[in-house]
Amino acid sequence: MQKVLRTALVTQAICKLDMSGVRYMENPYGSQPTAAVTALASAGAYSVSAWTTTEDNLTVTDEVAYGEHVYGFEQKMSNFNLMATRMEEMAHAVRRGIDRFVLNNLCEDATGTYTTPAGGFTTQANWATILSNLLSKVAGYTDGYTDTFLVLENTDLPGVIASQMASGFNFADAALRNGLISNQAGVDIYVVRSGTYANETLGSTTYTNLDHRVFGVKGAASVVIPGYEYDEKGVSGKTGKEIAVSAQVGFKLWAQNTGLCVDVTIA
């Protein structure tokens, strides 16, 4: 049976993913110390400061699920395993739901912010400026964060591809031959379908992310999926079986890392 078109999934590529069955993670952190500069004439004097520990944790709070009913005659009249085919499509739909949940949470929880020049990603001249400004948002830390990502929607690509094809020599040649999108200036570029960033309620959170995108450092956020559940059961009054796929999910952009992700607003 021909598969429906599927949206690319990016959660595992940009977040720390735990599927070991845990439902809760702890990650407490201490307050940031600031050292003072004093003259030697102060004879080694210093001030004693109070410090605090803050609890930070991830809890599984939401569920993504989808169900269908396959009638007995539908299964018997098919020349393939209809139940298995539909179950596979449903599993992808659940994973897609998790992706949208994660990307919209990243936008909401990121404390870094950036507004693109007018025209956003679709304007060729903006692309290099946008990348440069985004990289500056996560530069200057001791860890030297270089494993960065940017998740765009497919409608953003006209300006990106045109800019890549107009870049110098080898890079432009690769773009002209292969439609290069995957990486530029050390940033891994992922593309999902339009409508991924939205103004809507997903699970326990309401999002306002229309015309937003997300940039950041890989691994700054954690996603917990205790496991996928596949149900197949008979329903009174109907032939065939009801089938369903579900997964529980928890997300956390850790408090100490919120500045490592940037909520990008398209002007």
C-alpha atoms as a PDB file:
ATOM      1  CA  MET A   1       0.000   0.000   0.000  1.00  0.00           C
ATOM      2  CA  GLN A   2       1.421   3.383  -0.985  1.00  0.00           C
ATOM      3  CA  LYS A   3       2.461   5.473   1.991  1.00  0.00           C
ATOM      4  CA  VAL A   4       1.173   8.980   2.573  1.00  0.00           C
ATOM      5  CA  LEU A   5       3.686  11.822   2.444  1.00  0.00           C
ATOM      6  CA  ARG A   6       5.442  12.120   5.787  1.00  0.00           C
ATOM      7  CA  THR A   7       6.915  15.156   7.507  1.00  0.00           C
ATOM      8  CA  ALA A   8      10.564  14.908   8.533  1.00  0.00           C
ATOM      9  CA  LEU A   9      11.167  14.370  12.260  1.00  0.00           C
ATOM     10  CA  VAL A  10      13.869  16.261  14.149  1.00  0.00           C
ATOM     11  CA  THR A  11      13.407  15.742  17.918  1.00  0.00           C
ATOM     12  CA  GLN A  12      16.095  13.090  18.264  1.00  0.00           C
ATOM     13  CA  ALA A  13      18.588  15.205  16.317  1.00  0.00           C
ATOM     14  CA  ILE A  14      18.314  18.343  18.452  1.00  0.00           C
ATOM     15  CA  CYS A  15      17.352  17.137  21.949  1.00  0.00           C
ATOM     16  CA  LYS A  16      18.587  14.589  24.431  1.00  0.00           C
ATOM     17  CA  LEU A  17      16.043  11.782  24.079  1.00  0.00           C
ATOM     18  CA  ASP A  18      15.422   9.275  26.881  1.00  0.00           C
ATOM     19  CA  MET A  19      13.245   6.244  26.158  1.00  0.00           C
ATOM     20  CA  SER A  20      14.456   4.122  29.084  1.00  0.00           C
ATOM     21  CA  GLY A  21      11.084   4.318  30.839  1.00  0.00           C
ATOM     22  CA  VAL A  22      11.834   7.139  33.287  1.00  0.00           C
ATOM     23  CA  ARG A  23       9.004   9.579  33.973  1.00  0.00           C
ATOM     24  CA  TYR A  24      10.892  12.180  36.010  1.00  0.00           C
ATOM     25  CA  MET A  25      14.331  13.847  35.826  1.00  0.00           C
ATOM     26  CA  GLU A  26      16.053  16.105  38.348  1.00  0.00           C
ATOM     27  CA  ASN A  27      18.622  18.751  37.466  1.00  0.00           C
ATOM     28  CA  PRO A  28      19.123  21.210  40.376  1.00  0.00           C
ATOM     29  CA  TYR A  29      21.475  24.142  39.885  1.00  0.00           C
ATOM     30  CA  GLY A  30      23.249  26.720  42.041  1.00  0.00           C
ATOM     31  CA  SER A  31      23.235  30.486  41.742  1.00  0.00           C
ATOM     32  CA  GLN A  32      25.852  32.083  39.498  1.00  0.00           C
ATOM     33  CA  PRO A  33      28.832  33.545  41.392  1.00  0.00           C
ATOM     34  CA  THR A  34      30.337  36.866  40.300  1.00  0.00           C
ATOM     35  CA  ALA A  35      33.917  37.579  41.304  1.00  0.00           C
ATOM     36  CA  ALA A  36      34.941  41.079  42.358  1.00  0.00           C
ATOM     37  CA  VAL A  37      38.124  42.854  41.306  1.00  0.00           C
ATOM     38  CA  THR A  38      39.895  44.643  44.192  1.00  0.00           C
ATOM     39  CA  ALA A  39      43.115  46.536  44.593  1.00  0.00           C
ATOM     40  CA  LEU A  40      45.977  44.828  46.403  1.00  0.00           C
ATOM     41  CA  ALA A  41      45.776  47.608  48.971  1.00  0.00           C
ATOM     42  CA  SER A  42      42.610  45.935  50.292  1.00  0.00           C
ATOM     43  CA  ALA A  43      44.897  43.318  51.852  1.00  0.00           C
ATOM     44  CA  GLY A  44      43.008  40.324  50.511  1.00  0.00           C
ATOM     45  CA  ALA A  45      39.601  41.409  51.772  1.00  0.00           C
ATOM     46  CA  TYR A  46      36.510  39.971  50.119  1.00  0.00           C
ATOM     47  CA  SER A  47      32.770  39.820  50.712  1.00  0.00           C
ATOM     48  CA  VAL A  48      31.020  36.581  51.647  1.00  0.00           C
ATOM     49  CA  SER A  49      27.918  36.110  49.511  1.00  0.00           C
ATOM     50  CA  ALA A  50      24.857  33.961  50.076  1.00  0.00           C
ATOM     51  CA  TRP A  51      24.092  31.347  47.446  1.00  0.00           C
ATOM     52  CA  THR A  52      21.036  29.268  46.642  1.00  0.00           C
ATOM     53  CA  THR A  53      20.133  25.959  45.029  1.00  0.00           C
ATOM     54  CA  THR A  54      17.123  25.859  42.705  1.00  0.00           C
ATOM     55  CA  GLU A  55      15.233  22.684  41.868  1.00  0.00           C
ATOM     56  CA  ASP A  56      14.757  22.055  38.157  1.00  0.00           C
ATOM     57  CA  ASN A  57      12.989  18.955  36.923  1.00  0.00           C
ATOM     58  CA  LEU A  58      11.294  17.301  33.976  1.00  0.00           C
ATOM     59  CA  THR A  59       7.984  15.517  34.457  1.00  0.00           C
ATOM     60  CA  VAL A  60       6.022  13.554  31.874  1.00  0.00           C
ATOM     61  CA  THR A  61       2.806  15.569  31.560  1.00  0.00           C
ATOM     62  CA  ASP A  62       1.304  14.948  28.119  1.00  0.00           C
ATOM     63  CA  GLU A  63       0.175  12.168  25.814  1.00  0.00           C
ATOM     64  CA  VAL A  64       0.015  11.919  22.036  1.00  0.00           C
ATOM     65  CA  ALA A  65      -2.458   9.381  20.670  1.00  0.00           C
ATOM     66  CA  TYR A  66      -4.352   8.387  17.542  1.00  0.00           C
ATOM     67  CA  GLY A  67      -6.900   5.626  16.925  1.00  0.00           C
ATOM     68  CA  GLU A  68      -8.911   4.088  14.057  1.00  0.00           C
ATOM     69  CA  HIS A  69     -11.328   1.250  13.451  1.00  0.00           C
ATOM     70  CA  VAL A  70     -10.593  -1.284  10.720  1.00  0.00           C
ATOM     71  CA  TYR A  71     -13.691  -3.278   9.772  1.00  0.00           C
ATOM     72  CA  GLY A  72     -13.494  -6.996   9.145  1.00  0.00           C
ATOM     73  CA  PHE A  73     -14.533  -6.702   5.494  1.00  0.00           C
ATOM     74  CA  GLU A  74     -11.846  -4.032   4.875  1.00  0.00           C
ATOM     75  CA  GLN A  75      -9.144  -6.378   6.097  1.00  0.00           C
ATOM     76  CA  LYS A  76     -10.457  -9.383   4.145  1.00  0.00           C
ATOM     77  CA  MET A  77     -10.876  -7.465   0.891  1.00  0.00           C
ATOM     78  CA  SER A  78      -7.331  -6.090   0.982  1.00  0.00           C
ATOM     79  CA  ASN A  79      -4.386  -7.745  -0.746  1.00  0.00           C
ATOM     80  CA  PHE A  80      -2.023  -6.667   2.044  1.00  0.00           C
ATOM     81  CA  ASN A  81      -1.961  -6.482   5.841  1.00  0.00           C
ATOM     82  CA  LEU A  82      -4.193  -3.451   6.292  1.00  0.00           C
ATOM     83  CA  MET A  83      -3.912  -3.491  10.083  1.00  0.00           C
ATOM     84  CA  ALA A  84      -0.108  -3.381  10.012  1.00  0.00           C
ATOM     85  CA  THR A  85      -0.116  -0.656   7.349  1.00  0.00           C
ATOM     86  CA  ARG A  86      -2.475   1.571   9.295  1.00  0.00           C
ATOM     87  CA  MET A  87      -0.580   0.942  12.547  1.00  0.00           C
ATOM     88  CA  GLU A  88       2.647   2.081  10.904  1.00  0.00           C
ATOM     89  CA  GLU A  89       1.020   5.274   9.626  1.00  0.00           C
ATOM     90  CA  MET A  90      -0.480   5.935  13.049  1.00  0.00           C
ATOM     91  CA  ALA A  91       2.889   5.469  14.763  1.00  0.00           C
ATOM     92  CA  HIS A  92       4.397   8.073  12.459  1.00  0.00           C
ATOM     93  CA  ALA A  93       1.512  10.435  13.223  1.00  0.00           C
ATOM     94  CA  VAL A  94       2.256  10.088  16.939  1.00  0.00           C
ATOM     95  CA  ARG A  95       5.957  10.763  16.384  1.00  0.00           C
ATOM     96  CA  ARG A  96       5.001  13.782  14.276  1.00  0.00           C
ATOM     97  CA  GLY A  97       2.785  14.990  17.143  1.00  0.00           C
ATOM     98  CA  ILE A  98       5.729  14.687  19.535  1.00  0.00           C
ATOM     99  CA  ASP A  99       7.887  16.693  17.120  1.00  0.00           C
ATOM    100  CA  ARG A 100       5.380  19.558  16.984  1.00  0.00           C
ATOM    101  CA  PHE A 101       5.060  19.453  20.770  1.00  0.00           C
ATOM    102  CA  VAL A 102       8.843  19.662  21.222  1.00  0.00           C
ATOM    103  CA  LEU A 103       9.486  22.408  18.634  1.00  0.00           C
ATOM    104  CA  ASN A 104       6.717  24.620  19.964  1.00  0.00           C
ATOM    105  CA  ASN A 105       7.955  24.099  23.531  1.00  0.00           C
ATOM    106  CA  LEU A 106      11.454  25.118  22.455  1.00  0.00           C
ATOM    107  CA  CYS A 107      10.058  28.366  21.041  1.00  0.00           C
ATOM    108  CA  GLU A 108       8.040  29.069  24.186  1.00  0.00           C
ATOM    109  CA  ASP A 109      10.808  28.336  26.708  1.00  0.00           C
ATOM    110  CA  ALA A 110      13.780  29.885  24.885  1.00  0.00           C
ATOM    111  CA  THR A 111      14.917  33.142  26.487  1.00  0.00           C
ATOM    112  CA  GLY A 112      17.039  34.133  23.505  1.00  0.00           C
ATOM    113  CA  THR A 113      15.071  36.219  21.021  1.00  0.00           C
ATOM    114  CA  TYR A 114      15.734  37.465  17.502  1.00  0.00           C
ATOM    115  CA  THR A 115      13.627  39.190  14.849  1.00  0.00           C
ATOM    116  CA  THR A 116      14.692  38.713  11.244  1.00  0.00           C
ATOM    117  CA  PRO A 117      15.091  41.579   8.792  1.00  0.00           C
ATOM    118  CA  ALA A 118      11.954  42.332   6.792  1.00  0.00           C
ATOM    119  CA  GLY A 119      11.161  39.470   4.443  1.00  0.00           C
ATOM    120  CA  GLY A 120      12.543  36.809   6.749  1.00  0.00           C
ATOM    121  CA  PHE A 121      14.099  33.675   5.316  1.00  0.00           C
ATOM    122  CA  THR A 122      12.455  34.012   1.917  1.00  0.00           C
ATOM    123  CA  THR A 123      14.572  37.071   1.090  1.00  0.00           C
ATOM    124  CA  GLN A 124      17.928  35.942  -0.288  1.00  0.00           C
ATOM    125  CA  ALA A 125      19.893  38.900   1.064  1.00  0.00           C
ATOM    126  CA  ASN A 126      18.773  38.162   4.634  1.00  0.00           C
ATOM    127  CA  TRP A 127      20.179  34.652   4.983  1.00  0.00           C
ATOM    128  CA  ALA A 128      23.812  35.396   5.879  1.00  0.00           C
ATOM    129  CA  THR A 129      22.761  38.195   8.226  1.00  0.00           C
ATOM    130  CA  ILE A 130      20.286  35.923  10.034  1.00  0.00           C
ATOM    131  CA  LEU A 131      22.841  33.131  10.487  1.00  0.00           C
ATOM    132  CA  SER A 132      25.488  35.548  11.769  1.00  0.00           C
ATOM    133  CA  ASN A 133      23.152  37.128  14.294  1.00  0.00           C
ATOM    134  CA  LEU A 134      21.863  33.772  15.538  1.00  0.00           C
ATOM    135  CA  LEU A 135      25.377  32.402  16.053  1.00  0.00           C
ATOM    136  CA  SER A 136      26.293  35.502  18.046  1.00  0.00           C
ATOM    137  CA  LYS A 137      23.486  34.675  20.494  1.00  0.00           C
ATOM    138  CA  VAL A 138      25.238  31.500  21.723  1.00  0.00           C
ATOM    139  CA  ALA A 139      28.869  32.605  21.350  1.00  0.00           C
ATOM    140  CA  GLY A 140      31.321  33.510  24.121  1.00  0.00           C
ATOM    141  CA  TYR A 141      30.672  30.676  26.587  1.00  0.00           C
ATOM    142  CA  THR A 142      33.550  28.599  27.974  1.00  0.00           C
ATOM    143  CA  ASP A 143      32.144  25.412  26.466  1.00  0.00           C
ATOM    144  CA  GLY A 144      32.349  26.934  22.995  1.00  0.00           C
ATOM    145  CA  TYR A 145      28.981  25.673  21.787  1.00  0.00           C
ATOM    146  CA  THR A 146      29.382  24.830  18.120  1.00  0.00           C
ATOM    147  CA  ASP A 147      26.839  22.023  17.608  1.00  0.00           C
ATOM    148  CA  THR A 148      23.937  24.261  16.637  1.00  0.00           C
ATOM    149  CA  PHE A 149      20.648  23.801  14.785  1.00  0.00           C
ATOM    150  CA  LEU A 150      17.959  25.797  13.030  1.00  0.00           C
ATOM    151  CA  VAL A 151      14.547  24.304  12.244  1.00  0.00           C
ATOM    152  CA  LEU A 152      12.746  25.959   9.329  1.00  0.00           C
ATOM    153  CA  GLU A 153       9.495  25.266   7.515  1.00  0.00           C
ATOM    154  CA  ASN A 154       9.521  24.347   3.829  1.00  0.00           C
ATOM    155  CA  THR A 155       8.081  27.736   2.850  1.00  0.00           C
ATOM    156  CA  ASP A 156      11.250  29.431   4.179  1.00  0.00           C
ATOM    157  CA  LEU A 157      13.554  27.799   1.653  1.00  0.00           C
ATOM    158  CA  PRO A 158      13.413  30.071  -1.453  1.00  0.00           C
ATOM    159  CA  GLY A 159      15.717  32.669   0.071  1.00  0.00           C
ATOM    160  CA  VAL A 160      17.956  30.071   1.742  1.00  0.00           C
ATOM    161  CA  ILE A 161      18.572  28.015  -1.393  1.00  0.00           C
ATOM    162  CA  ALA A 162      19.064  31.084  -3.591  1.00  0.00           C
ATOM    163  CA  SER A 163      21.644  32.447  -1.134  1.00  0.00           C
ATOM    164  CA  GLN A 164      23.489  29.133  -0.934  1.00  0.00           C
ATOM    165  CA  MET A 165      23.667  28.842  -4.716  1.00  0.00           C
ATOM    166  CA  ALA A 166      25.083  32.362  -4.920  1.00  0.00           C
ATOM    167  CA  SER A 167      27.809  31.693  -2.329  1.00  0.00           C
ATOM    168  CA  GLY A 168      31.453  31.338  -3.282  1.00  0.00           C
ATOM    169  CA  PHE A 169      32.926  28.517  -5.358  1.00  0.00           C
ATOM    170  CA  ASN A 170      32.778  25.010  -3.838  1.00  0.00           C
ATOM    171  CA  PHE A 171      29.851  25.739  -1.538  1.00  0.00           C
ATOM    172  CA  ALA A 172      27.790  27.249  -4.343  1.00  0.00           C
ATOM    173  CA  ASP A 173      28.711  24.359  -6.656  1.00  0.00           C
ATOM    174  CA  ALA A 174      27.455  21.867  -4.086  1.00  0.00           C
ATOM    175  CA  ALA A 175      24.220  23.814  -3.722  1.00  0.00           C
ATOM    176  CA  LEU A 176      23.747  24.052  -7.480  1.00  0.00           C
ATOM    177  CA  ARG A 177      24.324  20.325  -7.958  1.00  0.00           C
ATOM    178  CA  ASN A 178      22.561  18.926  -4.920  1.00  0.00           C
ATOM    179  CA  GLY A 179      20.239  21.636  -3.605  1.00  0.00           C
ATOM    180  CA  LEU A 180      22.437  22.007  -0.523  1.00  0.00           C
ATOM    181  CA  ILE A 181      20.494  22.941   2.599  1.00  0.00           C
ATOM    182  CA  SER A 182      21.839  20.716   5.360  1.00  0.00           C
ATOM    183  CA  ASN A 183      24.615  22.803   6.955  1.00  0.00           C
ATOM    184  CA  GLN A 184      26.014  26.308   6.674  1.00  0.00           C
ATOM    185  CA  ALA A 185      28.343  28.261   8.963  1.00  0.00           C
ATOM    186  CA  GLY A 186      28.390  25.220  11.249  1.00  0.00           C
ATOM    187  CA  VAL A 187      24.603  25.300  11.725  1.00  0.00           C
ATOM    188  CA  ASP A 188      22.667  22.096  10.978  1.00  0.00           C
ATOM    189  CA  ILE A 189      19.525  23.118   9.099  1.00  0.00           C
ATOM    190  CA  TYR A 190      16.391  20.986   9.448  1.00  0.00           C
ATOM    191  CA  VAL A 191      13.206  21.475   7.453  1.00  0.00           C
ATOM    192  CA  VAL A 192       9.685  20.523   8.517  1.00  0.00           C
ATOM    193  CA  ARG A 193       6.389  21.167   6.802  1.00  0.00           C
ATOM    194  CA  SER A 194       4.489  24.424   7.104  1.00  0.00           C
ATOM    195  CA  GLY A 195       2.070  24.562  10.020  1.00  0.00           C
ATOM    196  CA  THR A 196       4.529  23.022  12.488  1.00  0.00           C
ATOM    197  CA  TYR A 197       4.842  26.297  14.429  1.00  0.00           C
ATOM    198  CA  ALA A 198       1.362  27.391  15.354  1.00  0.00           C
ATOM    199  CA  ASN A 199      -1.001  29.335  17.577  1.00  0.00           C
ATOM    200  CA  GLU A 200      -2.834  26.505  19.295  1.00  0.00           C
ATOM    201  CA  THR A 201      -3.078  24.354  22.387  1.00  0.00           C
ATOM    202  CA  LEU A 202      -1.065  21.135  22.386  1.00  0.00           C
ATOM    203  CA  GLY A 203      -1.655  19.077  25.495  1.00  0.00           C
ATOM    204  CA  SER A 204      -1.174  21.148  28.653  1.00  0.00           C
ATOM    205  CA  THR A 205       0.293  24.250  26.964  1.00  0.00           C
ATOM    206  CA  THR A 206      -1.079  26.973  24.689  1.00  0.00           C
ATOM    207  CA  TYR A 207       1.403  28.254  22.110  1.00  0.00           C
ATOM    208  CA  THR A 208       1.632  31.480  20.116  1.00  0.00           C
ATOM    209  CA  ASN A 209       4.285  30.518  17.587  1.00  0.00           C
ATOM    210  CA  LEU A 210       2.822  31.441  14.202  1.00  0.00           C
ATOM    211  CA  ASP A 211       5.659  32.996  12.132  1.00  0.00           C
ATOM    212  CA  HIS A 212       8.244  31.795  14.651  1.00  0.00           C
ATOM    213  CA  ARG A 213      11.175  29.405  14.196  1.00  0.00           C
ATOM    214  CA  VAL A 214      13.741  28.016  16.638  1.00  0.00           C
ATOM    215  CA  PHE A 215      17.538  28.077  16.727  1.00  0.00           C
ATOM    216  CA  GLY A 216      19.805  26.712  19.422  1.00  0.00           C
ATOM    217  CA  VAL A 217      22.472  24.403  20.752  1.00  0.00           C
ATOM    218  CA  LYS A 218      21.827  20.690  20.406  1.00  0.00           C
ATOM    219  CA  GLY A 219      21.200  18.868  23.671  1.00  0.00           C
ATOM    220  CA  ALA A 220      20.145  21.948  25.643  1.00  0.00           C
ATOM    221  CA  ALA A 221      16.695  20.374  26.114  1.00  0.00           C
ATOM    222  CA  SER A 222      15.656  16.878  27.159  1.00  0.00           C
ATOM    223  CA  VAL A 223      12.690  14.840  25.951  1.00  0.00           C
ATOM    224  CA  VAL A 224      11.407  11.786  27.823  1.00  0.00           C
ATOM    225  CA  ILE A 225       9.217   9.198  26.116  1.00  0.00           C
ATOM    226  CA  PRO A 226       8.597   6.285  28.505  1.00  0.00           C
ATOM    227  CA  GLY A 227       7.486   4.155  25.552  1.00  0.00           C
ATOM    228  CA  TYR A 228       4.972   3.649  22.755  1.00  0.00           C
ATOM    229  CA  GLU A 229       1.776   1.692  23.293  1.00  0.00           C
ATOM    230  CA  TYR A 230      -0.022  -0.251  20.554  1.00  0.00           C
ATOM    231  CA  ASP A 231      -3.608  -1.314  21.281  1.00  0.00           C
ATOM    232  CA  GLU A 232      -5.820  -3.659  19.283  1.00  0.00           C
ATOM    233  CA  LYS A 233      -9.262  -4.482  20.634  1.00  0.00           C
ATOM    234  CA  GLY A 234     -12.685  -5.594  19.582  1.00  0.00           C
ATOM    235  CA  VAL A 235     -15.583  -3.146  19.814  1.00  0.00           C
ATOM    236  CA  SER A 236     -19.163  -4.202  20.539  1.00  0.00           C
ATOM    237  CA  GLY A 237     -21.484  -3.840  17.563  1.00  0.00           C
ATOM    238  CA  LYS A 238     -18.742  -3.637  14.928  1.00  0.00           C
ATOM    239  CA  THR A 239     -16.751  -6.153  12.964  1.00  0.00           C
ATOM    240  CA  GLY A 240     -12.968  -5.942  12.859  1.00  0.00           C
ATOM    241  CA  LYS A 241     -10.772  -4.210  15.402  1.00  0.00           C
ATOM    242  CA  GLU A 242     -10.127  -0.802  16.892  1.00  0.00           C
ATOM    243  CA  ILE A 243      -6.425   0.033  16.817  1.00  0.00           C
ATOM    244  CA  ALA A 244      -4.585   2.847  18.566  1.00  0.00           C
ATOM    245  CA  VAL A 245      -1.055   4.130  19.070  1.00  0.00           C
ATOM    246  CA  SER A 246      -0.071   6.390  21.954  1.00  0.00           C
ATOM    247  CA  ALA A 247       2.982   7.720  23.746  1.00  0.00           C
ATOM    248  CA  GLN A 248       3.485   9.815  26.849  1.00  0.00           C
ATOM    249  CA  VAL A 249       5.979  12.660  26.579  1.00  0.00           C
ATOM    250  CA  GLY A 250       7.784  15.104  28.817  1.00  0.00           C
ATOM    251  CA  PHE A 251       9.883  18.083  27.714  1.00  0.00           C
ATOM    252  CA  LYS A 252      12.312  20.381  29.508  1.00  0.00           C
ATOM    253  CA  LEU A 253      14.581  23.136  28.284  1.00  0.00           C
ATOM    254  CA  TRP A 254      16.726  23.207  31.403  1.00  0.00           C
ATOM    255  CA  ALA A 255      16.745  26.533  33.226  1.00  0.00           C
ATOM    256  CA  GLN A 256      20.512  26.929  32.909  1.00  0.00           C
ATOM    257  CA  ASN A 257      20.250  26.386  29.140  1.00  0.00           C
ATOM    258  CA  THR A 258      17.338  28.628  28.179  1.00  0.00           C
ATOM    259  CA  GLY A 259      19.730  31.219  26.738  1.00  0.00           C
ATOM    260  CA  LEU A 260      21.169  28.564  24.415  1.00  0.00           C
ATOM    261  CA  CYS A 261      17.940  28.486  22.414  1.00  0.00           C
ATOM    262  CA  VAL A 262      16.543  31.404  20.424  1.00  0.00           C
ATOM    263  CA  ASP A 263      12.928  32.124  19.555  1.00  0.00           C
ATOM    264  CA  VAL A 264      13.149  33.531  16.036  1.00  0.00           C
ATOM    265  CA  THR A 265      10.356  35.863  14.897  1.00  0.00           C
ATOM    266  CA  ILE A 266       9.907  36.382  11.153  1.00  0.00           C
ATOM    267  CA  ALA A 267       9.431  40.039  10.295  1.00  0.00           C
END
